[in-house]
Structure formats: C-alpha cells, structure tokens
C-alpha cells in the first residue's frame, strides 16, 4: 500500500516587513548580511516552522524538511516535505506565472 506524504511550498516576498526584520543570528558575520540573505540562512537552519507556526504543516507531528530554496529577485521559493519527492508540475507553484498574472490584473 502506497502511503501519502505531505509536501508544502511557500513563497516569501523579500520586500515585506516580515522579511526585513532583524533576525537573531549565530555569528556576527551573519548580522552584516542583507536581510534576504539572513532569511535564507534561517530557512536552511530549519527555523521556518518556528517563525511561521500557523502556516507550516507537520507530518507525523514533526516539522517538514526544507528540500529546496530558490532565491529570486523579490521572492524566496521554499519546497518542504517529509522526504524529497517530486511535485506534480500541475499542482506546483510557479512564481513567475503568479507574478505575471498579478501584474496583468
């Protein structure tokens, strides 16, 4: 029997006030980085579920693992899941298509 897995994608706008916050960092070198770079480090350190507990999903009562982070000029695209599984392209977020449709509306 094939078991299902939980997959979640998040788009973070690096120009939002949330992403421009000053984050507590492990080293002084991280404090000199721009906020978007600090946020990338925080994401890779697995702190997204702590920062966004109301939207981050869990699988077997454990936070999802960040498998991929794509940095774009204005967005961070995070792909998280219980294990690294391919997303169905028809169901995946496509940031540039979303932004393009927002601009035309």
PDB file of N, CA and C in Angstrom:
ATOM      1  N   UNK A   1       0.825  -1.170   0.000  1.00  0.00           N
ATOM      2  CA  UNK A   1       0.000   0.000   0.000  1.00  0.00           C
ATOM      3  C   UNK A   1       0.879   1.245   0.000  1.00  0.00           C
ATOM      4  N   UNK A   2       0.592   2.143  -0.913  1.00  0.00           N
ATOM      5  CA  UNK A   2       1.373   3.369  -1.025  1.00  0.00           C
ATOM      6  C   UNK A   2       0.871   4.388  -0.008  1.00  0.00           C
ATOM      7  N   UNK A   3       1.804   4.915   0.788  1.00  0.00           N
ATOM      8  CA  UNK A   3       1.423   5.926   1.767  1.00  0.00           C
ATOM      9  C   UNK A   3       1.651   7.313   1.181  1.00  0.00           C
ATOM     10  N   UNK A   4       0.838   8.259   1.594  1.00  0.00           N
ATOM     11  CA  UNK A   4       0.970   9.626   1.117  1.00  0.00           C
ATOM     12  C   UNK A   4       2.017  10.383   1.914  1.00  0.00           C
ATOM     13  N   UNK A   5       2.484  11.443   1.339  1.00  0.00           N
ATOM     14  CA  UNK A   5       3.431  12.299   2.018  1.00  0.00           C
ATOM     15  C   UNK A   5       2.933  13.733   1.944  1.00  0.00           C
ATOM     16  N   UNK A   6       3.352  14.529   2.871  1.00  0.00           N
ATOM     17  CA  UNK A   6       2.961  15.924   2.903  1.00  0.00           C
ATOM     18  C   UNK A   6       4.026  16.750   2.214  1.00  0.00           C
ATOM     19  N   UNK A   7       3.605  17.588   1.294  1.00  0.00           N
ATOM     20  CA  UNK A   7       4.503  18.493   0.589  1.00  0.00           C
ATOM     21  C   UNK A   7       3.930  19.895   0.720  1.00  0.00           C
ATOM     22  N   UNK A   8       4.801  20.859   0.986  1.00  0.00           N
ATOM     23  CA  UNK A   8       4.354  22.243   1.119  1.00  0.00           C
ATOM     24  C   UNK A   8       5.325  23.164   0.402  1.00  0.00           C
ATOM     25  N   UNK A   9       4.769  24.145  -0.278  1.00  0.00           N
ATOM     26  CA  UNK A   9       5.569  25.180  -0.915  1.00  0.00           C
ATOM     27  C   UNK A   9       5.198  26.520  -0.303  1.00  0.00           C
ATOM     28  N   UNK A  10       6.192  27.361  -0.097  1.00  0.00           N
ATOM     29  CA  UNK A  10       5.965  28.701   0.420  1.00  0.00           C
ATOM     30  C   UNK A  10       6.656  29.711  -0.486  1.00  0.00           C
ATOM     31  N   UNK A  11       6.009  30.824  -0.706  1.00  0.00           N
ATOM     32  CA  UNK A  11       6.611  31.955  -1.398  1.00  0.00           C
ATOM     33  C   UNK A  11       6.730  33.083  -0.390  1.00  0.00           C
ATOM     34  N   UNK A  12       7.944  33.537  -0.151  1.00  0.00           N
ATOM     35  CA  UNK A  12       8.166  34.646   0.765  1.00  0.00           C
ATOM     36  C   UNK A  12       8.618  35.859  -0.046  1.00  0.00           C
ATOM     37  N   UNK A  13       7.918  36.956   0.115  1.00  0.00           N
ATOM     38  CA  UNK A  13       8.278  38.204  -0.555  1.00  0.00           C
ATOM     39  C   UNK A  13       9.376  38.865   0.271  1.00  0.00           C
ATOM     40  N   UNK A  14      10.582  38.973  -0.274  1.00  0.00           N
ATOM     41  CA  UNK A  14      11.708  39.513   0.489  1.00  0.00           C
ATOM     42  C   UNK A  14      11.571  41.010   0.741  1.00  0.00           C
ATOM     43  N   UNK A  15      10.627  41.666   0.089  1.00  0.00           N
ATOM     44  CA  UNK A  15      10.403  43.099   0.310  1.00  0.00           C
ATOM     45  C   UNK A  15       9.368  43.372   1.391  1.00  0.00           C
ATOM     46  N   UNK A  16       8.793  42.321   1.978  1.00  0.00           N
ATOM     47  CA  UNK A  16       7.791  42.511   3.024  1.00  0.00           C
ATOM     48  C   UNK A  16       8.460  42.900   4.342  1.00  0.00           C
ATOM     49  N   UNK A  17       7.684  43.466   5.241  1.00  0.00           N
ATOM     50  CA  UNK A  17       8.236  43.870   6.533  1.00  0.00           C
ATOM     51  C   UNK A  17       8.694  42.645   7.335  1.00  0.00           C
ATOM     52  N   UNK A  18       8.008  41.501   7.163  1.00  0.00           N
ATOM     53  CA  UNK A  18       8.414  40.273   7.847  1.00  0.00           C
ATOM     54  C   UNK A  18       9.835  39.873   7.450  1.00  0.00           C
ATOM     55  N   UNK A  19      10.131  39.940   6.170  1.00  0.00           N
ATOM     56  CA  UNK A  19      11.442  39.518   5.679  1.00  0.00           C
ATOM     57  C   UNK A  19      12.535  40.544   5.939  1.00  0.00           C
ATOM     58  N   UNK A  20      12.168  41.761   6.261  1.00  0.00           N
ATOM     59  CA  UNK A  20      13.163  42.802   6.517  1.00  0.00           C
ATOM     60  C   UNK A  20      13.498  42.938   8.001  1.00  0.00           C
ATOM     61  N   UNK A  21      12.912  42.089   8.827  1.00  0.00           N
ATOM     62  CA  UNK A  21      13.207  42.131  10.260  1.00  0.00           C
ATOM     63  C   UNK A  21      14.670  41.808  10.512  1.00  0.00           C
ATOM     64  N   UNK A  22      15.157  42.256  11.645  1.00  0.00           N
ATOM     65  CA  UNK A  22      16.495  41.856  12.063  1.00  0.00           C
ATOM     66  C   UNK A  22      16.354  40.553  12.828  1.00  0.00           C
ATOM     67  N   UNK A  23      17.091  39.546  12.396  1.00  0.00           N
ATOM     68  CA  UNK A  23      16.988  38.224  12.996  1.00  0.00           C
ATOM     69  C   UNK A  23      18.172  37.996  13.925  1.00  0.00           C
ATOM     70  N   UNK A  24      17.922  37.263  14.968  1.00  0.00           N
ATOM     71  CA  UNK A  24      18.995  36.866  15.871  1.00  0.00           C
ATOM     72  C   UNK A  24      19.840  35.827  15.135  1.00  0.00           C
ATOM     73  N   UNK A  25      21.137  36.071  15.028  1.00  0.00           N
ATOM     74  CA  UNK A  25      21.978  35.161  14.251  1.00  0.00           C
ATOM     75  C   UNK A  25      23.050  34.537  15.135  1.00  0.00           C
ATOM     76  N   UNK A  26      23.619  33.455  14.612  1.00  0.00           N
ATOM     77  CA  UNK A  26      24.613  32.699  15.370  1.00  0.00           C
ATOM     78  C   UNK A  26      25.970  33.394  15.399  1.00  0.00           C
ATOM     79  N   UNK A  27      26.273  34.193  14.381  1.00  0.00           N
ATOM     80  CA  UNK A  27      27.583  34.826  14.319  1.00  0.00           C
ATOM     81  C   UNK A  27      27.447  36.297  13.928  1.00  0.00           C
ATOM     82  N   UNK A  28      28.478  37.052  14.192  1.00  0.00           N
ATOM     83  CA  UNK A  28      28.464  38.467  13.834  1.00  0.00           C
ATOM     84  C   UNK A  28      28.537  38.655  12.327  1.00  0.00           C
ATOM     85  N   UNK A  29      29.133  37.697  11.609  1.00  0.00           N
ATOM     86  CA  UNK A  29      29.205  37.789  10.144  1.00  0.00           C
ATOM     87  C   UNK A  29      27.808  37.776   9.542  1.00  0.00           C
ATOM     88  N   UNK A  30      26.907  36.975  10.090  1.00  0.00           N
ATOM     89  CA  UNK A  30      25.543  36.903   9.576  1.00  0.00           C
ATOM     90  C   UNK A  30      24.797  38.206   9.792  1.00  0.00           C
ATOM     91  N   UNK A  31      25.120  38.931  10.853  1.00  0.00           N
ATOM     92  CA  UNK A  31      24.436  40.185  11.145  1.00  0.00           C
ATOM     93  C   UNK A  31      24.757  41.260  10.120  1.00  0.00           C
ATOM     94  N   UNK A  32      25.877  41.142   9.419  1.00  0.00           N
ATOM     95  CA  UNK A  32      26.248  42.143   8.418  1.00  0.00           C
ATOM     96  C   UNK A  32      25.641  41.840   7.047  1.00  0.00           C
ATOM     97  N   UNK A  33      25.043  40.670   6.893  1.00  0.00           N
ATOM     98  CA  UNK A  33      24.415  40.311   5.621  1.00  0.00           C
ATOM     99  C   UNK A  33      23.104  41.065   5.442  1.00  0.00           C
ATOM    100  N   UNK A  34      22.676  41.257   4.177  1.00  0.00           N
ATOM    101  CA  UNK A  34      21.357  41.854   3.945  1.00  0.00           C
ATOM    102  C   UNK A  34      20.256  40.950   4.508  1.00  0.00           C
ATOM    103  N   UNK A  35      19.104  41.532   4.842  1.00  0.00           N
ATOM    104  CA  UNK A  35      18.023  40.734   5.442  1.00  0.00           C
ATOM    105  C   UNK A  35      17.608  39.517   4.616  1.00  0.00           C
ATOM    106  N   UNK A  36      17.588  39.628   3.294  1.00  0.00           N
ATOM    107  CA  UNK A  36      17.191  38.490   2.454  1.00  0.00           C
ATOM    108  C   UNK A  36      18.178  37.329   2.604  1.00  0.00           C
ATOM    109  N   UNK A  37      19.463  37.636   2.702  1.00  0.00           N
ATOM    110  CA  UNK A  37      20.478  36.585   2.877  1.00  0.00           C
ATOM    111  C   UNK A  37      20.381  35.969   4.271  1.00  0.00           C
ATOM    112  N   UNK A  38      20.099  36.797   5.273  1.00  0.00           N
ATOM    113  CA  UNK A  38      19.906  36.269   6.629  1.00  0.00           C
ATOM    114  C   UNK A  38      18.713  35.315   6.657  1.00  0.00           C
ATOM    115  N   UNK A  39      17.652  35.688   5.941  1.00  0.00           N
ATOM    116  CA  UNK A  39      16.464  34.842   5.904  1.00  0.00           C
ATOM    117  C   UNK A  39      16.746  33.503   5.230  1.00  0.00           C
ATOM    118  N   UNK A  40      17.568  33.499   4.190  1.00  0.00           N
ATOM    119  CA  UNK A  40      17.952  32.241   3.538  1.00  0.00           C
ATOM    120  C   UNK A  40      18.667  31.325   4.530  1.00  0.00           C
ATOM    121  N   UNK A  41      19.575  31.888   5.299  1.00  0.00           N
ATOM    122  CA  UNK A  41      20.320  31.093   6.286  1.00  0.00           C
ATOM    123  C   UNK A  41      19.369  30.537   7.337  1.00  0.00           C
ATOM    124  N   UNK A  42      18.426  31.372   7.782  1.00  0.00           N
ATOM    125  CA  UNK A  42      17.437  30.928   8.768  1.00  0.00           C
ATOM    126  C   UNK A  42      16.606  29.778   8.213  1.00  0.00           C
ATOM    127  N   UNK A  43      16.219  29.888   6.943  1.00  0.00           N
ATOM    128  CA  UNK A  43      15.432  28.816   6.310  1.00  0.00           C
ATOM    129  C   UNK A  43      16.217  27.519   6.273  1.00  0.00           C
ATOM    130  N   UNK A  44      17.481  27.579   5.848  1.00  0.00           N
ATOM    131  CA  UNK A  44      18.295  26.367   5.769  1.00  0.00           C
ATOM    132  C   UNK A  44      18.591  25.787   7.139  1.00  0.00           C
ATOM    133  N   UNK A  45      18.577  26.633   8.179  1.00  0.00           N
ATOM    134  CA  UNK A  45      18.784  26.140   9.544  1.00  0.00           C
ATOM    135  C   UNK A  45      17.536  25.458  10.112  1.00  0.00           C
ATOM    136  N   UNK A  46      16.437  25.456   9.340  1.00  0.00           N
ATOM    137  CA  UNK A  46      15.224  24.756   9.754  1.00  0.00           C
ATOM    138  C   UNK A  46      14.342  25.532  10.717  1.00  0.00           C
ATOM    139  N   UNK A  47      14.446  26.852  10.696  1.00  0.00           N
ATOM    140  CA  UNK A  47      13.686  27.657  11.649  1.00  0.00           C
ATOM    141  C   UNK A  47      12.367  28.196  11.098  1.00  0.00           C
ATOM    142  N   UNK A  48      12.010  27.852   9.866  1.00  0.00           N
ATOM    143  CA  UNK A  48      10.764  28.340   9.277  1.00  0.00           C
ATOM    144  C   UNK A  48       9.547  27.913  10.100  1.00  0.00           C
ATOM    145  N   UNK A  49       9.453  26.652  10.559  1.00  0.00           N
ATOM    146  CA  UNK A  49       8.287  26.271  11.379  1.00  0.00           C
ATOM    147  C   UNK A  49       8.174  27.064  12.683  1.00  0.00           C
ATOM    148  N   UNK A  50       9.292  27.520  13.226  1.00  0.00           N
ATOM    149  CA  UNK A  50       9.254  28.330  14.442  1.00  0.00           C
ATOM    150  C   UNK A  50       8.811  29.758  14.138  1.00  0.00           C
ATOM    151  N   UNK A  51       9.205  30.272  12.976  1.00  0.00           N
ATOM    152  CA  UNK A  51       8.844  31.637  12.600  1.00  0.00           C
ATOM    153  C   UNK A  51       7.413  31.740  12.096  1.00  0.00           C
ATOM    154  N   UNK A  52       6.942  30.694  11.423  1.00  0.00           N
ATOM    155  CA  UNK A  52       5.606  30.684  10.827  1.00  0.00           C
ATOM    156  C   UNK A  52       4.819  29.442  11.271  1.00  0.00           C
ATOM    157  N   UNK A  53       4.596  29.273  12.569  1.00  0.00           N
ATOM    158  CA  UNK A  53       3.933  28.042  13.033  1.00  0.00           C
ATOM    159  C   UNK A  53       2.495  27.904  12.548  1.00  0.00           C
ATOM    160  N   UNK A  54       1.826  29.025  12.274  1.00  0.00           N
ATOM    161  CA  UNK A  54       0.429  28.958  11.884  1.00  0.00           C
ATOM    162  C   UNK A  54       0.219  28.462  10.460  1.00  0.00           C
ATOM    163  N   UNK A  55       1.264  28.504   9.616  1.00  0.00           N
ATOM    164  CA  UNK A  55       1.082  28.037   8.238  1.00  0.00           C
ATOM    165  C   UNK A  55       1.932  26.826   7.887  1.00  0.00           C
ATOM    166  N   UNK A  56       2.917  26.499   8.696  1.00  0.00           N
ATOM    167  CA  UNK A  56       3.789  25.368   8.386  1.00  0.00           C
ATOM    168  C   UNK A  56       3.111  24.054   8.775  1.00  0.00           C
ATOM    169  N   UNK A  57       3.057  23.154   7.818  1.00  0.00           N
ATOM    170  CA  UNK A  57       2.436  21.849   8.036  1.00  0.00           C
ATOM    171  C   UNK A  57       3.395  20.915   8.757  1.00  0.00           C
ATOM    172  N   UNK A  58       2.841  19.859   9.328  1.00  0.00           N
ATOM    173  CA  UNK A  58       3.639  18.829  10.001  1.00  0.00           C
ATOM    174  C   UNK A  58       3.261  17.473   9.439  1.00  0.00           C
ATOM    175  N   UNK A  59       4.196  16.550   9.523  1.00  0.00           N
ATOM    176  CA  UNK A  59       3.941  15.169   9.132  1.00  0.00           C
ATOM    177  C   UNK A  59       4.396  14.288  10.279  1.00  0.00           C
ATOM    178  N   UNK A  60       3.504  13.447  10.783  1.00  0.00           N
ATOM    179  CA  UNK A  60       3.775  12.598  11.949  1.00  0.00           C
ATOM    180  C   UNK A  60       4.234  13.433  13.142  1.00  0.00           C
ATOM    181  N   UNK A  61       3.607  14.603  13.298  1.00  0.00           N
ATOM    182  CA  UNK A  61       3.876  15.536  14.389  1.00  0.00           C
ATOM    183  C   UNK A  61       5.308  16.081  14.369  1.00  0.00           C
ATOM    184  N   UNK A  62       5.952  16.073  13.204  1.00  0.00           N
ATOM    185  CA  UNK A  62       7.289  16.640  13.041  1.00  0.00           C
ATOM    186  C   UNK A  62       7.236  17.683  11.940  1.00  0.00           C
ATOM    187  N   UNK A  63       8.015  18.766  12.070  1.00  0.00           N
ATOM    188  CA  UNK A  63       8.019  19.772  11.008  1.00  0.00           C
ATOM    189  C   UNK A  63       8.585  19.191   9.709  1.00  0.00           C
ATOM    190  N   UNK A  64       8.139  19.744   8.604  1.00  0.00           N
ATOM    191  CA  UNK A  64       8.634  19.302   7.297  1.00  0.00           C
ATOM    192  C   UNK A  64      10.070  19.776   7.092  1.00  0.00           C
ATOM    193  N   UNK A  65      10.798  19.050   6.262  1.00  0.00           N
ATOM    194  CA  UNK A  65      12.195  19.352   5.978  1.00  0.00           C
ATOM    195  C   UNK A  65      12.267  20.219   4.726  1.00  0.00           C
ATOM    196  N   UNK A  66      13.106  21.251   4.772  1.00  0.00           N
ATOM    197  CA  UNK A  66      13.317  22.099   3.601  1.00  0.00           C
ATOM    198  C   UNK A  66      14.230  21.358   2.626  1.00  0.00           C
ATOM    199  N   UNK A  67      13.715  21.105   1.402  1.00  0.00           N
ATOM    200  CA  UNK A  67      14.475  20.375   0.392  1.00  0.00           C
ATOM    201  C   UNK A  67      15.061  21.298  -0.668  1.00  0.00           C
ATOM    202  N   UNK A  68      14.395  22.402  -0.909  1.00  0.00           N
ATOM    203  CA  UNK A  68      14.869  23.281  -1.976  1.00  0.00           C
ATOM    204  C   UNK A  68      14.504  24.713  -1.634  1.00  0.00           C
ATOM    205  N   UNK A  69      15.434  25.624  -1.868  1.00  0.00           N
ATOM    206  CA  UNK A  69      15.192  27.044  -1.692  1.00  0.00           C
ATOM    207  C   UNK A  69      15.708  27.748  -2.940  1.00  0.00           C
ATOM    208  N   UNK A  70      14.810  28.397  -3.633  1.00  0.00           N
ATOM    209  CA  UNK A  70      15.208  29.151  -4.825  1.00  0.00           C
ATOM    210  C   UNK A  70      15.079  30.633  -4.506  1.00  0.00           C
ATOM    211  N   UNK A  71      16.164  31.353  -4.634  1.00  0.00           N
ATOM    212  CA  UNK A  71      16.148  32.789  -4.418  1.00  0.00           C
ATOM    213  C   UNK A  71      15.970  33.511  -5.735  1.00  0.00           C
ATOM    214  N   UNK A  72      14.967  34.359  -5.789  1.00  0.00           N
ATOM    215  CA  UNK A  72      14.717  35.175  -6.969  1.00  0.00           C
ATOM    216  C   UNK A  72      14.880  36.635  -6.566  1.00  0.00           C
ATOM    217  N   UNK A  73      14.698  37.540  -7.492  1.00  0.00           N
ATOM    218  CA  UNK A  73      14.946  38.942  -7.171  1.00  0.00           C
ATOM    219  C   UNK A  73      14.048  39.450  -6.047  1.00  0.00           C
ATOM    220  N   UNK A  74      12.795  39.051  -5.997  1.00  0.00           N
ATOM    221  CA  UNK A  74      11.873  39.537  -4.975  1.00  0.00           C
ATOM    222  C   UNK A  74      11.229  38.440  -4.144  1.00  0.00           C
ATOM    223  N   UNK A  75      11.544  37.190  -4.433  1.00  0.00           N
ATOM    224  CA  UNK A  75      10.883  36.070  -3.758  1.00  0.00           C
ATOM    225  C   UNK A  75      11.874  35.020  -3.303  1.00  0.00           C
ATOM    226  N   UNK A  76      11.485  34.307  -2.237  1.00  0.00           N
ATOM    227  CA  UNK A  76      12.141  33.060  -1.862  1.00  0.00           C
ATOM    228  C   UNK A  76      11.094  31.974  -2.039  1.00  0.00           C
ATOM    229  N   UNK A  77      11.429  30.957  -2.792  1.00  0.00           N
ATOM    230  CA  UNK A  77      10.512  29.851  -3.064  1.00  0.00           C
ATOM    231  C   UNK A  77      11.041  28.646  -2.292  1.00  0.00           C
ATOM    232  N   UNK A  78      10.289  28.224  -1.275  1.00  0.00           N
ATOM    233  CA  UNK A  78      10.698  27.110  -0.423  1.00  0.00           C
ATOM    234  C   UNK A  78       9.852  25.890  -0.740  1.00  0.00           C
ATOM    235  N   UNK A  79      10.519  24.738  -0.886  1.00  0.00           N
ATOM    236  CA  UNK A  79       9.828  23.459  -1.068  1.00  0.00           C
ATOM    237  C   UNK A  79      10.186  22.575   0.116  1.00  0.00           C
ATOM    238  N   UNK A  80       9.155  22.147   0.842  1.00  0.00           N
ATOM    239  CA  UNK A  80       9.367  21.360   2.049  1.00  0.00           C
ATOM    240  C   UNK A  80       8.537  20.090   1.981  1.00  0.00           C
ATOM    241  N   UNK A  81       9.013  19.061   2.668  1.00  0.00           N
ATOM    242  CA  UNK A  81       8.270  17.808   2.686  1.00  0.00           C
ATOM    243  C   UNK A  81       8.851  16.829   3.674  1.00  0.00           C
ATOM    244  N   UNK A  82       8.140  15.714   3.845  1.00  0.00           N
ATOM    245  CA  UNK A  82       8.610  14.652   4.726  1.00  0.00           C
ATOM    246  C   UNK A  82       9.857  13.984   4.168  1.00  0.00           C
ATOM    247  N   UNK A  83       9.916  13.885   2.855  1.00  0.00           N
ATOM    248  CA  UNK A  83      11.112  13.411   2.160  1.00  0.00           C
ATOM    249  C   UNK A  83      11.118  14.055   0.783  1.00  0.00           C
ATOM    250  N   UNK A  84      12.258  13.980   0.118  1.00  0.00           N
ATOM    251  CA  UNK A  84      12.405  14.671  -1.165  1.00  0.00           C
ATOM    252  C   UNK A  84      11.625  13.931  -2.248  1.00  0.00           C
ATOM    253  N   UNK A  85      10.452  14.410  -2.523  1.00  0.00           N
ATOM    254  CA  UNK A  85       9.595  13.793  -3.530  1.00  0.00           C
ATOM    255  C   UNK A  85       9.304  14.808  -4.624  1.00  0.00           C
ATOM    256  N   UNK A  86       9.243  14.336  -5.851  1.00  0.00           N
ATOM    257  CA  UNK A  86       8.924  15.223  -6.974  1.00  0.00           C
ATOM    258  C   UNK A  86       7.493  15.716  -6.846  1.00  0.00           C
ATOM    259  N   UNK A  87       7.318  17.000  -7.058  1.00  0.00           N
ATOM    260  CA  UNK A  87       5.990  17.589  -7.062  1.00  0.00           C
ATOM    261  C   UNK A  87       5.346  17.395  -8.427  1.00  0.00           C
ATOM    262  N   UNK A  88       4.045  17.238  -8.427  1.00  0.00           N
ATOM    263  CA  UNK A  88       3.308  17.211  -9.673  1.00  0.00           C
ATOM    264  C   UNK A  88       3.387  18.629 -10.261  1.00  0.00           C
ATOM    265  N   UNK A  89       3.972  18.800 -11.448  1.00  0.00           N
ATOM    266  CA  UNK A  89       4.139  20.151 -12.002  1.00  0.00           C
ATOM    267  C   UNK A  89       2.836  20.926 -12.149  1.00  0.00           C
ATOM    268  N   UNK A  90       1.741  20.219 -12.345  1.00  0.00           N
ATOM    269  CA  UNK A  90       0.456  20.905 -12.486  1.00  0.00           C
ATOM    270  C   UNK A  90      -0.029  21.489 -11.166  1.00  0.00           C
ATOM    271  N   UNK A  91       0.436  20.948 -10.048  1.00  0.00           N
ATOM    272  CA  UNK A  91      -0.003  21.407  -8.739  1.00  0.00           C
ATOM    273  C   UNK A  91       1.021  22.305  -8.052  1.00  0.00           C
ATOM    274  N   UNK A  92       2.214  22.444  -8.627  1.00  0.00           N
ATOM    275  CA  UNK A  92       3.284  23.217  -8.013  1.00  0.00           C
ATOM    276  C   UNK A  92       3.084  24.711  -8.239  1.00  0.00           C
ATOM    277  N   UNK A  93       3.672  25.494  -7.343  1.00  0.00           N
ATOM    278  CA  UNK A  93       3.653  26.946  -7.500  1.00  0.00           C
ATOM    279  C   UNK A  93       4.652  27.346  -8.578  1.00  0.00           C
ATOM    280  N   UNK A  94       4.252  28.255  -9.414  1.00  0.00           N
ATOM    281  CA  UNK A  94       5.137  28.795 -10.441  1.00  0.00           C
ATOM    282  C   UNK A  94       5.220  30.303 -10.205  1.00  0.00           C
ATOM    283  N   UNK A  95       6.227  30.760  -9.452  1.00  0.00           N
ATOM    284  CA  UNK A  95       6.279  32.160  -9.025  1.00  0.00           C
ATOM    285  C   UNK A  95       6.172  33.176 -10.157  1.00  0.00           C
ATOM    286  N   UNK A  96       6.847  32.929 -11.265  1.00  0.00           N
ATOM    287  CA  UNK A  96       6.819  33.922 -12.339  1.00  0.00           C
ATOM    288  C   UNK A  96       5.452  33.992 -13.013  1.00  0.00           C
ATOM    289  N   UNK A  97       4.761  32.877 -13.092  1.00  0.00           N
ATOM    290  CA  UNK A  97       3.401  32.884 -13.659  1.00  0.00           C
ATOM    291  C   UNK A  97       2.463  33.636 -12.726  1.00  0.00           C
ATOM    292  N   UNK A  98       2.632  33.421 -11.415  1.00  0.00           N
ATOM    293  CA  UNK A  98       1.794  34.102 -10.440  1.00  0.00           C
ATOM    294  C   UNK A  98       2.030  35.608 -10.513  1.00  0.00           C
ATOM    295  N   UNK A  99       3.312  36.013 -10.541  1.00  0.00           N
ATOM    296  CA  UNK A  99       3.613  37.435 -10.611  1.00  0.00           C
ATOM    297  C   UNK A  99       3.134  38.057 -11.904  1.00  0.00           C
ATOM    298  N   UNK A 100       3.264  37.330 -13.003  1.00  0.00           N
ATOM    299  CA  UNK A 100       2.807  37.845 -14.288  1.00  0.00           C
ATOM    300  C   UNK A 100       1.304  38.061 -14.287  1.00  0.00           C
ATOM    301  N   UNK A 101       0.567  37.114 -13.730  1.00  0.00           N
ATOM    302  CA  UNK A 101      -0.898  37.261 -13.690  1.00  0.00           C
ATOM    303  C   UNK A 101      -1.316  38.380 -12.737  1.00  0.00           C
ATOM    304  N   UNK A 102      -0.546  38.617 -11.671  1.00  0.00           N
ATOM    305  CA  UNK A 102      -0.856  39.705 -10.755  1.00  0.00           C
ATOM    306  C   UNK A 102      -0.659  41.060 -11.425  1.00  0.00           C
ATOM    307  N   UNK A 103       0.357  41.163 -12.280  1.00  0.00           N
ATOM    308  CA  UNK A 103       0.641  42.415 -12.969  1.00  0.00           C
ATOM    309  C   UNK A 103      -0.402  42.734 -14.025  1.00  0.00           C
ATOM    310  N   UNK A 104      -0.982  41.704 -14.640  1.00  0.00           N
ATOM    311  CA  UNK A 104      -1.969  41.941 -15.685  1.00  0.00           C
ATOM    312  C   UNK A 104      -3.350  42.236 -15.128  1.00  0.00           C
ATOM    313  N   UNK A 105      -3.582  41.909 -13.854  1.00  0.00           N
ATOM    314  CA  UNK A 105      -4.906  42.187 -13.245  1.00  0.00           C
ATOM    315  C   UNK A 105      -5.021  43.608 -12.789  1.00  0.00           C
TER     316      UNK A 105
END
